[in-house]
């Protein structure tokens, strides 16, 4: 029997922009690139752009639309990211959303004591281990920027700390051209070889141009290294509305798209077909405090709009959610985390990072990550929506139970309740009296206990001893080389 349109497959979602608005933003972005241009502080990049047809004057490059369009044609429209064990983990395409941790904060809210201190490699290792245990955190970034190792070699320490403590896919930043290369060498050691890493990529690089419209030499170096290896990358400039970008969301998104398109153009000119996201970090700017907000409604609105434009090109997208401007695990933290996680999941952004940020991105917190994991679970269930078919409509079940009956003991309930009904791991649904008997624990207490439980009991699958030795050797030799090369700068 043919049952046309009987099963509803579309998930719950929303749209921010109409097709006409997407068109207008695209036109504005192309106009920015062609009429305003960008400062490209990398000589080889300027040469590539000029050869392709761009107008170059000093370090300012103006790029015609046809150059960008040609690069858009060659950019992959989706990609698969694997885990450390070469298992498919992330199908980055369409409106599939995956959530990852925060990164690069100078400070950490200690996973054991709750006190804030400068980030250490030990904190990054703990953060990765906690993330590895959380079922709704799909991928991991180094949770912080380590302050207890030489700055020029920090990326080596951070990559090693993360890859030893999770099997999940990784996104990393890198702090120098050579450091970037060494991280890929370490990743290849984990994969088995560079060819194996290319075949089963488990890391994505995250070079960050500077808004508005500045592409520093060291950032382009990192983009080119990833392109040469044909490894996926997410160029992620940050637009602060009213500060580094127009205060109007339309203007901020147009600038974000322009910067993302120029990033993609550079990647494609360097190596045709190299995988590249169309990403940005559209953020609010608090005019009262003159600080960036990583939890404003404008952020999620702008990122969702930016993603819709990227989706119109068929390109992978990048979001920022699960963060808070609060300094504690309080009601503000819960509200801001939940709002952005749900909003951007509804927007269909692909990789959504920074679950676990606090204090406007200045603090990484394993506790915030654990609470965010709970919210992500709720959001994923909501976005999954409702399956409508003969089995779920349950007409025969209603007839079988009949008026005045109950469904608790019915086989249909047993078959479906685990899939249909989301169960919290942190939130309390107990009657008041039982909640009192068990200690009247608030959310912060439950989160801290959960973090301690993970750190006490969770075992991460270990890398082979040979791989661990190779990683240590690469890190030690690389650190020495980087200090000699960059230490006096």
Protein backbone atom coordinates (compact mmCIF):
# COMPACT_ATOMS: atom_id res chain seq x y z
CA UNK A 1 0.00 0.00 0.00
CA UNK A 2 1.31 3.42 -0.97
CA UNK A 3 0.92 5.98 1.81
CA UNK A 4 1.92 9.31 0.31
CA UNK A 5 3.10 11.87 2.89
CA UNK A 6 2.05 9.51 5.68
CA UNK A 7 5.33 9.65 7.57
CA UNK A 8 6.60 13.08 8.63
CA UNK A 9 10.40 13.07 8.38
CA UNK A 10 11.16 16.77 8.77
CA UNK A 11 12.55 17.76 12.15
CA UNK A 12 11.43 20.78 14.13
CA UNK A 13 13.18 23.87 12.75
CA UNK A 14 12.87 27.57 12.00
CA UNK A 15 13.97 30.09 9.43
CA UNK A 16 15.37 33.54 10.15
CA UNK A 17 15.65 34.87 6.58
CA UNK A 18 13.43 34.74 3.54
CA UNK A 19 14.89 33.74 0.19
CA UNK A 20 14.87 37.38 -0.85
CA UNK A 21 16.77 38.40 2.30
CA UNK A 22 19.37 35.69 1.68
CA UNK A 23 19.80 37.06 -1.84
CA UNK A 24 20.27 40.62 -0.54
CA UNK A 25 22.89 39.53 1.99
CA UNK A 26 24.77 37.61 -0.67
CA UNK A 27 24.75 40.64 -2.93
CA UNK A 28 26.06 42.83 -0.09
CA UNK A 29 28.82 40.30 0.71
CA UNK A 30 30.00 40.11 -2.90
CA UNK A 31 29.92 43.90 -3.06
CA UNK A 32 32.08 44.18 0.07
CA UNK A 33 34.70 41.91 -1.45
CA UNK A 34 34.71 43.66 -4.80
CA UNK A 35 34.43 47.31 -3.70
CA UNK A 36 35.94 47.43 -0.19
CA UNK A 37 38.26 44.46 -0.31
CA UNK A 38 40.36 43.09 2.53
CA UNK A 39 43.85 43.44 3.91
CA UNK A 40 45.66 40.23 3.04
CA UNK A 41 49.03 40.34 4.77
CA UNK A 42 50.40 37.23 3.09
CA UNK A 43 52.44 37.78 -0.07
CA UNK A 44 51.79 34.34 -1.60
CA UNK A 45 48.06 34.71 -0.96
CA UNK A 46 47.99 38.10 -2.67
CA UNK A 47 49.81 36.59 -5.65
CA UNK A 48 47.26 33.78 -5.91
CA UNK A 49 44.37 36.24 -5.73
CA UNK A 50 45.92 38.52 -8.36
CA UNK A 51 46.52 35.61 -10.72
CA UNK A 52 42.87 34.63 -10.31
CA UNK A 53 41.68 38.12 -11.28
CA UNK A 54 41.65 40.18 -8.09
CA UNK A 55 42.86 43.77 -7.93
CA UNK A 56 45.80 44.14 -5.54
CA UNK A 57 47.10 47.45 -4.22
CA UNK A 58 49.72 47.16 -1.51
CA UNK A 59 48.13 44.63 0.88
CA UNK A 60 44.51 45.47 0.03
CA UNK A 61 42.85 42.96 -2.28
CA UNK A 62 39.53 43.47 -4.08
CA UNK A 63 38.05 40.22 -5.33
CA UNK A 64 35.53 40.05 -8.20
CA UNK A 65 32.44 37.94 -7.74
CA UNK A 66 33.33 35.54 -10.57
CA UNK A 67 36.54 34.55 -8.73
CA UNK A 68 34.59 33.69 -5.60
CA UNK A 69 31.88 31.89 -7.57
CA UNK A 70 34.47 29.68 -9.23
CA UNK A 71 35.89 28.75 -5.84
CA UNK A 72 32.42 28.03 -4.50
CA UNK A 73 31.95 25.46 -7.26
CA UNK A 74 35.01 23.47 -6.22
CA UNK A 75 34.44 23.54 -2.46
CA UNK A 76 33.05 20.27 -1.03
CA UNK A 77 29.41 20.62 0.02
CA UNK A 78 29.67 18.18 2.90
CA UNK A 79 32.18 15.94 4.64
CA UNK A 80 32.47 13.10 7.10
CA UNK A 81 34.59 13.46 10.23
CA UNK A 82 35.75 10.32 12.00
CA UNK A 83 36.68 9.64 15.58
CA UNK A 84 40.14 8.63 16.79
CA UNK A 85 39.30 5.00 16.02
CA UNK A 86 38.34 5.71 12.38
CA UNK A 87 34.62 5.30 13.02
CA UNK A 88 32.20 7.69 11.34
CA UNK A 89 31.29 10.34 13.90
CA UNK A 90 30.02 13.54 12.23
CA UNK A 91 28.20 13.76 8.91
CA UNK A 92 28.69 17.47 8.33
CA UNK A 93 26.02 18.32 5.79
CA UNK A 94 22.57 19.82 5.46
CA UNK A 95 21.02 20.77 8.81
CA UNK A 96 22.64 18.07 10.96
CA UNK A 97 23.83 19.61 14.23
CA UNK A 98 26.68 18.46 16.47
CA UNK A 99 27.78 20.14 19.71
CA UNK A 100 31.33 20.60 20.97
CA UNK A 101 33.22 22.13 23.87
CA UNK A 102 34.57 25.61 24.56
CA UNK A 103 38.22 26.49 23.98
CA UNK A 104 41.13 28.93 24.36
CA UNK A 105 40.14 30.66 27.61
CA UNK A 106 43.05 31.90 29.74
CA UNK A 107 41.15 30.88 32.89
CA UNK A 108 39.49 27.69 34.10
CA UNK A 109 36.85 27.04 36.71
CA UNK A 110 38.50 24.13 38.47
CA UNK A 111 36.62 20.87 37.93
CA UNK A 112 37.33 19.77 41.53
CA UNK A 113 37.21 22.91 43.67
CA UNK A 114 35.07 25.25 41.58
CA UNK A 115 37.65 28.02 42.00
CA UNK A 116 38.87 30.04 39.02
CA UNK A 117 42.57 29.95 38.16
CA UNK A 118 44.82 30.23 35.11
CA UNK A 119 44.36 27.36 32.68
CA UNK A 120 46.83 24.51 32.95
CA UNK A 121 47.44 21.53 30.67
CA UNK A 122 46.00 19.40 33.47
CA UNK A 123 42.71 21.29 33.18
CA UNK A 124 42.58 20.70 29.43
CA UNK A 125 43.14 16.98 29.96
CA UNK A 126 40.35 16.90 32.54
CA UNK A 127 38.02 18.80 30.24
CA UNK A 128 38.61 16.32 27.42
CA UNK A 129 38.01 13.39 29.74
CA UNK A 130 34.74 14.86 30.98
CA UNK A 131 33.66 15.56 27.39
CA UNK A 132 34.50 11.98 26.41
CA UNK A 133 32.01 10.73 29.01
CA UNK A 134 29.12 13.01 27.98
CA UNK A 135 26.75 11.37 25.48
CA UNK A 136 25.47 14.57 23.89
CA UNK A 137 28.85 16.27 23.39
CA UNK A 138 29.84 15.13 19.92
CA UNK A 139 33.35 16.57 19.51
CA UNK A 140 36.02 18.30 21.57
CA UNK A 141 38.28 21.37 21.54
CA UNK A 142 41.06 22.01 24.08
CA UNK A 143 39.12 23.58 26.96
CA UNK A 144 41.37 26.55 27.58
CA UNK A 145 44.67 28.05 26.55
CA UNK A 146 47.37 26.62 28.79
CA UNK A 147 49.37 29.17 30.78
CA UNK A 148 51.78 26.73 32.45
CA UNK A 149 53.83 25.78 29.37
CA UNK A 150 55.84 27.87 26.87
CA UNK A 151 53.34 29.87 24.82
CA UNK A 152 54.83 28.96 21.44
CA UNK A 153 54.54 25.25 22.19
CA UNK A 154 51.19 25.31 23.96
CA UNK A 155 49.32 23.84 20.99
CA UNK A 156 51.49 20.70 21.14
CA UNK A 157 50.76 20.20 24.84
CA UNK A 158 47.06 20.89 24.34
CA UNK A 159 46.64 18.52 21.40
CA UNK A 160 48.39 15.72 23.27
CA UNK A 161 46.28 16.34 26.38
CA UNK A 162 43.04 16.15 24.39
CA UNK A 163 43.83 13.23 22.07
CA UNK A 164 44.95 11.11 25.03
CA UNK A 165 41.71 11.79 26.91
CA UNK A 166 38.97 11.38 24.31
CA UNK A 167 38.26 9.27 21.25
CA UNK A 168 35.89 11.93 19.88
CA UNK A 169 36.75 14.20 16.90
CA UNK A 170 38.85 17.29 17.66
CA UNK A 171 38.89 20.92 16.54
CA UNK A 172 42.11 22.84 17.26
CA UNK A 173 43.41 26.39 16.81
CA UNK A 174 47.22 26.37 16.69
CA UNK A 175 49.47 29.24 17.68
CA UNK A 176 52.17 29.33 14.97
CA UNK A 177 52.86 28.08 11.47
CA UNK A 178 55.34 25.43 12.60
CA UNK A 179 53.24 24.49 15.62
CA UNK A 180 50.33 23.92 13.27
CA UNK A 181 52.44 21.57 11.15
CA UNK A 182 53.62 19.69 14.22
CA UNK A 183 50.05 19.16 15.44
CA UNK A 184 49.25 17.51 12.12
CA UNK A 185 52.34 15.32 12.50
CA UNK A 186 51.08 14.25 15.92
CA UNK A 187 47.62 13.59 14.50
CA UNK A 188 49.15 11.49 11.72
CA UNK A 189 50.98 9.46 14.36
CA UNK A 190 47.62 8.74 16.01
CA UNK A 191 45.99 7.85 12.68
CA UNK A 192 48.90 5.68 11.56
CA UNK A 193 50.17 7.89 8.75
CA UNK A 194 49.38 11.14 6.99
CA UNK A 195 47.51 9.23 4.28
CA UNK A 196 45.39 7.51 6.93
CA UNK A 197 44.68 10.90 8.52
CA UNK A 198 43.50 12.28 5.18
CA UNK A 199 41.32 9.23 4.64
CA UNK A 200 39.87 9.25 8.15
CA UNK A 201 40.17 12.86 9.36
CA UNK A 202 39.47 13.22 13.07
CA UNK A 203 40.75 16.79 13.46
CA UNK A 204 39.55 20.08 12.02
CA UNK A 205 41.63 23.24 12.15
CA UNK A 206 40.24 26.61 13.21
CA UNK A 207 42.19 29.57 11.79
CA UNK A 208 40.68 32.93 12.78
CA UNK A 209 40.95 35.99 10.48
CA UNK A 210 40.46 39.36 12.19
CA UNK A 211 37.25 41.28 11.71
CA UNK A 212 36.83 43.58 9.90
CA UNK A 213 38.48 42.21 6.78
CA UNK A 214 42.05 41.54 7.95
CA UNK A 215 43.88 38.32 7.09
CA UNK A 216 47.19 38.22 9.01
CA UNK A 217 50.10 36.30 7.56
CA UNK A 218 50.16 33.67 10.30
CA UNK A 219 46.43 33.01 9.91
CA UNK A 220 46.74 32.51 6.15
CA UNK A 221 49.74 30.24 6.79
CA UNK A 222 47.50 27.98 8.88
CA UNK A 223 44.78 28.04 6.22
CA UNK A 224 47.32 27.03 3.57
CA UNK A 225 48.84 24.23 5.67
CA UNK A 226 45.40 22.64 6.14
CA UNK A 227 44.59 23.16 2.45
CA UNK A 228 47.87 21.58 1.32
CA UNK A 229 47.02 18.50 3.38
CA UNK A 230 43.42 18.58 2.11
CA UNK A 231 42.28 18.58 5.74
CA UNK A 232 39.00 20.23 6.82
CA UNK A 233 39.13 23.71 8.30
CA UNK A 234 36.79 26.30 9.78
CA UNK A 235 37.93 29.90 9.23
CA UNK A 236 36.16 31.70 12.08
CA UNK A 237 36.31 35.51 12.17
CA UNK A 238 34.35 37.16 15.00
CA UNK A 239 31.93 40.01 14.27
CA UNK A 240 31.08 42.07 17.35
CA UNK A 241 27.95 44.00 16.45
CA UNK A 242 28.61 47.72 16.80
CA UNK A 243 32.33 47.26 17.49
CA UNK A 244 34.12 45.24 14.80
CA UNK A 245 31.04 44.93 12.60
CA UNK A 246 27.97 47.05 11.80
CA UNK A 247 25.55 47.12 14.71
CA UNK A 248 22.70 46.03 12.45
CA UNK A 249 22.38 42.28 12.15
CA UNK A 250 21.98 42.44 8.38
CA UNK A 251 25.24 44.37 8.06
CA UNK A 252 27.05 42.12 10.53
CA UNK A 253 25.92 38.97 8.71
CA UNK A 254 26.87 40.43 5.31
CA UNK A 255 30.36 41.19 6.64
CA UNK A 256 30.59 37.69 8.13
CA UNK A 257 29.66 36.13 4.79
CA UNK A 258 32.19 38.32 2.95
CA UNK A 259 34.99 37.25 5.31
CA UNK A 260 33.93 33.62 5.11
CA UNK A 261 33.81 33.72 1.32
CA UNK A 262 37.28 35.24 1.09
CA UNK A 263 38.58 32.55 3.45
CA UNK A 264 37.05 29.85 1.29
CA UNK A 265 38.46 31.51 -1.85
CA UNK A 266 41.97 31.47 -0.41
CA UNK A 267 41.63 27.81 0.51
CA UNK A 268 40.35 26.81 -2.94
CA UNK A 269 42.98 28.84 -4.79
CA UNK A 270 45.63 27.11 -2.73
CA UNK A 271 44.20 23.62 -3.32
CA UNK A 272 41.10 22.96 -5.38
CA UNK A 273 38.61 20.82 -3.50
CA UNK A 274 40.08 21.31 -0.03
CA UNK A 275 37.24 21.09 2.52
CA UNK A 276 36.30 24.42 4.12
CA UNK A 277 33.38 25.61 6.20
CA UNK A 278 31.65 28.94 5.68
CA UNK A 279 31.90 30.00 9.30
CA UNK A 280 31.90 33.03 11.56
CA UNK A 281 31.15 34.08 15.14
CA UNK A 282 28.49 36.80 15.02
CA UNK A 283 28.45 38.10 18.59
CA UNK A 284 26.66 40.73 20.60
CA UNK A 285 28.54 43.70 22.02
CA UNK A 286 27.31 45.21 25.28
CA UNK A 287 27.34 48.97 24.87
CA UNK A 288 27.05 49.48 28.65
CA UNK A 289 30.11 47.39 29.59
CA UNK A 290 31.93 47.53 26.20
CA UNK A 291 32.46 43.77 26.36
CA UNK A 292 31.60 40.97 23.99
CA UNK A 293 28.56 38.89 24.90
CA UNK A 294 28.62 35.21 24.00
CA UNK A 295 25.04 34.62 25.09
CA UNK A 296 22.96 37.43 23.60
CA UNK A 297 19.86 36.62 21.50
CA UNK A 298 21.45 38.62 18.67
CA UNK A 299 24.31 36.11 18.58
CA UNK A 300 22.03 33.15 17.91
CA UNK A 301 19.94 35.19 15.48
CA UNK A 302 23.02 36.29 13.55
CA UNK A 303 24.61 32.85 13.51
CA UNK A 304 21.38 31.24 12.34
CA UNK A 305 21.04 33.84 9.59
CA UNK A 306 24.67 33.38 8.57
CA UNK A 307 24.08 29.62 8.44
CA UNK A 308 21.08 30.02 6.18
CA UNK A 309 23.21 31.92 3.70
CA UNK A 310 25.92 29.25 3.92
CA UNK A 311 23.28 26.55 3.46
CA UNK A 312 22.12 28.29 0.29
CA UNK A 313 25.64 27.66 -1.06
CA UNK A 314 25.50 24.07 0.23
CA UNK A 315 28.42 24.67 2.60
CA UNK A 316 29.05 23.36 6.14
CA UNK A 317 28.27 25.83 8.94
CA UNK A 318 29.64 26.82 12.36
CA UNK A 319 27.88 27.98 15.51
CA UNK A 320 28.52 29.04 19.12
CA UNK A 321 26.17 27.94 21.90
CA UNK A 322 25.99 26.58 25.43
CA UNK A 323 27.89 29.58 26.76
CA UNK A 324 27.15 32.16 29.41
CA UNK A 325 28.26 35.62 30.44
CA UNK A 326 27.61 34.57 34.05
CA UNK A 327 30.44 33.84 36.47
CA UNK A 328 28.68 31.00 38.28
CA UNK A 329 26.54 27.91 37.63
CA UNK A 330 23.36 29.85 38.30
CA UNK A 331 20.01 30.67 36.73
CA UNK A 332 21.61 33.06 34.23
CA UNK A 333 24.01 30.34 33.10
CA UNK A 334 21.16 27.89 32.60
CA UNK A 335 18.97 30.38 30.73
CA UNK A 336 21.70 31.54 28.38
CA UNK A 337 23.01 28.06 27.70
CA UNK A 338 19.57 26.62 26.97
CA UNK A 339 18.49 29.49 24.74
CA UNK A 340 21.50 29.34 22.43
CA UNK A 341 21.68 25.54 22.27
CA UNK A 342 18.04 25.24 21.22
CA UNK A 343 18.05 28.27 18.91
CA UNK A 344 21.06 27.13 16.92
CA UNK A 345 19.91 23.54 16.77
CA UNK A 346 16.63 24.81 15.33
CA UNK A 347 18.69 26.88 12.90
CA UNK A 348 20.37 23.72 11.63
CA UNK A 349 23.98 24.81 12.20
CA UNK A 350 26.38 21.92 11.72
CA UNK A 351 29.21 22.18 14.25
CA UNK A 352 28.23 24.23 17.30
CA UNK A 353 31.12 24.97 19.65
CA UNK A 354 31.79 26.56 23.03
CA UNK A 355 29.52 24.53 25.30
CA UNK A 356 31.21 25.23 28.62
CA UNK A 357 32.20 28.88 28.23
CA UNK A 358 31.63 31.29 31.14
CA UNK A 359 32.36 34.96 31.79
CA UNK A 360 32.03 36.03 28.16
CA UNK A 361 34.49 33.35 27.02
CA UNK A 362 37.20 34.16 29.57
CA UNK A 363 36.60 30.98 31.61
CA UNK A 364 36.24 27.35 30.53
CA UNK A 365 34.28 25.15 32.89
CA UNK A 366 33.79 21.39 32.98
CA UNK A 367 30.77 22.01 35.22
CA UNK A 368 29.22 24.29 32.61
CA UNK A 369 29.95 21.61 30.01
CA UNK A 370 28.15 18.96 32.05
CA UNK A 371 25.10 21.20 32.46
CA UNK A 372 25.25 22.02 28.75
CA UNK A 373 25.26 18.30 27.92
CA UNK A 374 21.91 18.01 29.69
CA UNK A 375 20.49 20.92 27.70
CA UNK A 376 21.83 19.53 24.41
CA UNK A 377 20.06 16.25 25.17
CA UNK A 378 16.79 18.11 25.67
CA UNK A 379 17.30 20.15 22.51
CA UNK A 380 18.13 17.13 20.38
CA UNK A 381 14.94 15.42 21.56
CA UNK A 382 12.84 18.50 20.83
CA UNK A 383 14.35 19.04 17.38
CA UNK A 384 13.87 15.38 16.47
CA UNK A 385 10.16 16.10 16.54
CA UNK A 386 7.33 13.59 16.22
CA UNK A 387 7.25 10.43 14.13
CA UNK A 388 3.79 9.92 12.65
CA UNK A 389 3.08 6.43 11.31
CA UNK A 390 0.78 3.50 11.99
CA UNK A 391 2.87 2.28 14.92
CA UNK A 392 3.14 5.65 16.66
CA UNK A 393 -0.48 6.65 16.07
CA UNK A 394 -1.32 3.61 18.21
CA UNK A 395 -4.98 3.25 17.19
CA UNK A 396 -5.01 -0.47 18.04
CA UNK A 397 -3.39 0.28 21.39
CA UNK A 398 -6.06 2.81 22.31
CA UNK A 399 -8.72 0.32 21.28
CA UNK A 400 -7.08 -2.44 23.29
CA UNK A 401 -6.75 -0.39 26.49
CA UNK A 402 -10.18 1.19 26.10
CA UNK A 403 -12.03 3.78 28.21
CA UNK A 404 -10.83 4.04 31.79
CA UNK A 405 -7.77 1.84 31.24
CA UNK A 406 -4.09 2.74 31.50
CA UNK A 407 -1.16 2.31 29.18
CA UNK A 408 1.57 1.71 31.74
CA UNK A 409 1.64 -2.07 31.41
CA UNK A 410 0.95 -2.24 27.69
CA UNK A 411 3.62 -3.78 25.46
CA UNK A 412 3.47 -0.72 23.18
CA UNK A 413 4.62 1.49 26.05
CA UNK A 414 7.49 -0.86 26.83
CA UNK A 415 8.63 -0.84 23.20
CA UNK A 416 8.64 2.92 22.78
CA UNK A 417 9.09 4.79 26.06
CA UNK A 418 12.89 4.89 25.94
CA UNK A 419 12.86 6.49 22.50
CA UNK A 420 9.88 8.77 23.00
CA UNK A 421 10.46 10.10 26.52
CA UNK A 422 13.66 11.99 27.24
CA UNK A 423 15.03 11.29 30.71
CA UNK A 424 17.25 13.82 32.51
CA UNK A 425 20.46 12.84 34.21
CA UNK A 426 20.84 16.02 36.29
CA UNK A 427 17.49 17.71 36.63
CA UNK A 428 15.29 16.69 39.52
CA UNK A 429 11.79 15.33 38.92
CA UNK A 430 11.44 13.84 42.39
CA UNK A 431 8.62 14.72 44.77
CA UNK A 432 9.60 17.49 47.17
CA UNK A 433 9.87 15.23 50.19
CA UNK A 434 12.25 12.79 48.48
CA UNK A 435 14.32 15.71 47.15
CA UNK A 436 14.67 16.96 50.74
CA UNK A 437 15.61 13.51 52.04
CA UNK A 438 18.38 13.25 49.44
CA UNK A 439 20.00 16.51 50.50
CA UNK A 440 17.98 19.30 48.79
CA UNK A 441 20.69 19.55 46.16
CA UNK A 442 20.60 22.47 43.75
CA UNK A 443 21.83 22.27 40.14
CA UNK A 444 25.35 23.46 40.93
CA UNK A 445 25.75 20.72 43.54
CA UNK A 446 24.44 18.02 41.21
CA UNK A 447 26.71 19.22 38.40
CA UNK A 448 29.79 19.20 40.63
CA UNK A 449 28.99 15.70 41.85
CA UNK A 450 28.59 14.55 38.25
CA UNK A 451 31.98 16.00 37.26
CA UNK A 452 33.62 14.27 40.24
CA UNK A 453 31.91 11.00 39.35
CA UNK A 454 33.23 11.17 35.77
CA UNK A 455 36.76 11.97 36.86
CA UNK A 456 36.68 9.18 39.44
CA UNK A 457 35.19 6.47 37.23
CA UNK A 458 35.36 7.24 33.51
CA UNK A 459 38.06 5.33 31.66
CA UNK A 460 39.10 6.65 28.26
CA UNK A 461 40.21 4.07 25.70
CA UNK A 462 43.99 4.30 25.76
CA UNK A 463 46.16 4.84 22.73
CA UNK A 464 48.76 2.12 22.02
CA UNK A 465 52.00 2.51 23.98
CA UNK A 466 53.94 3.02 20.75
CA UNK A 467 51.66 5.89 19.75
CA UNK A 468 51.92 7.47 23.19
CA UNK A 469 55.71 7.33 22.99
CA UNK A 470 55.67 8.88 19.51
CA UNK A 471 53.38 11.69 20.69
CA UNK A 472 55.64 12.45 23.63
CA UNK A 473 58.71 12.47 21.40
CA UNK A 474 57.08 14.78 18.85
CA UNK A 475 55.92 17.10 21.60
CA UNK A 476 59.33 17.30 23.29
CA UNK A 477 61.28 17.76 20.07
CA UNK A 478 58.68 20.16 18.70
CA UNK A 479 58.69 22.26 21.86
CA UNK A 480 62.46 22.62 21.67
CA UNK A 481 62.27 23.61 18.01
CA UNK A 482 59.48 26.13 18.57
CA UNK A 483 61.22 27.81 21.49
CA UNK A 484 64.41 28.13 19.46
CA UNK A 485 62.48 29.48 16.47
CA UNK A 486 60.01 31.83 18.16
CA UNK A 487 61.26 32.30 21.72
CA UNK A 488 62.99 35.64 21.10
CA UNK A 489 60.10 37.19 19.17
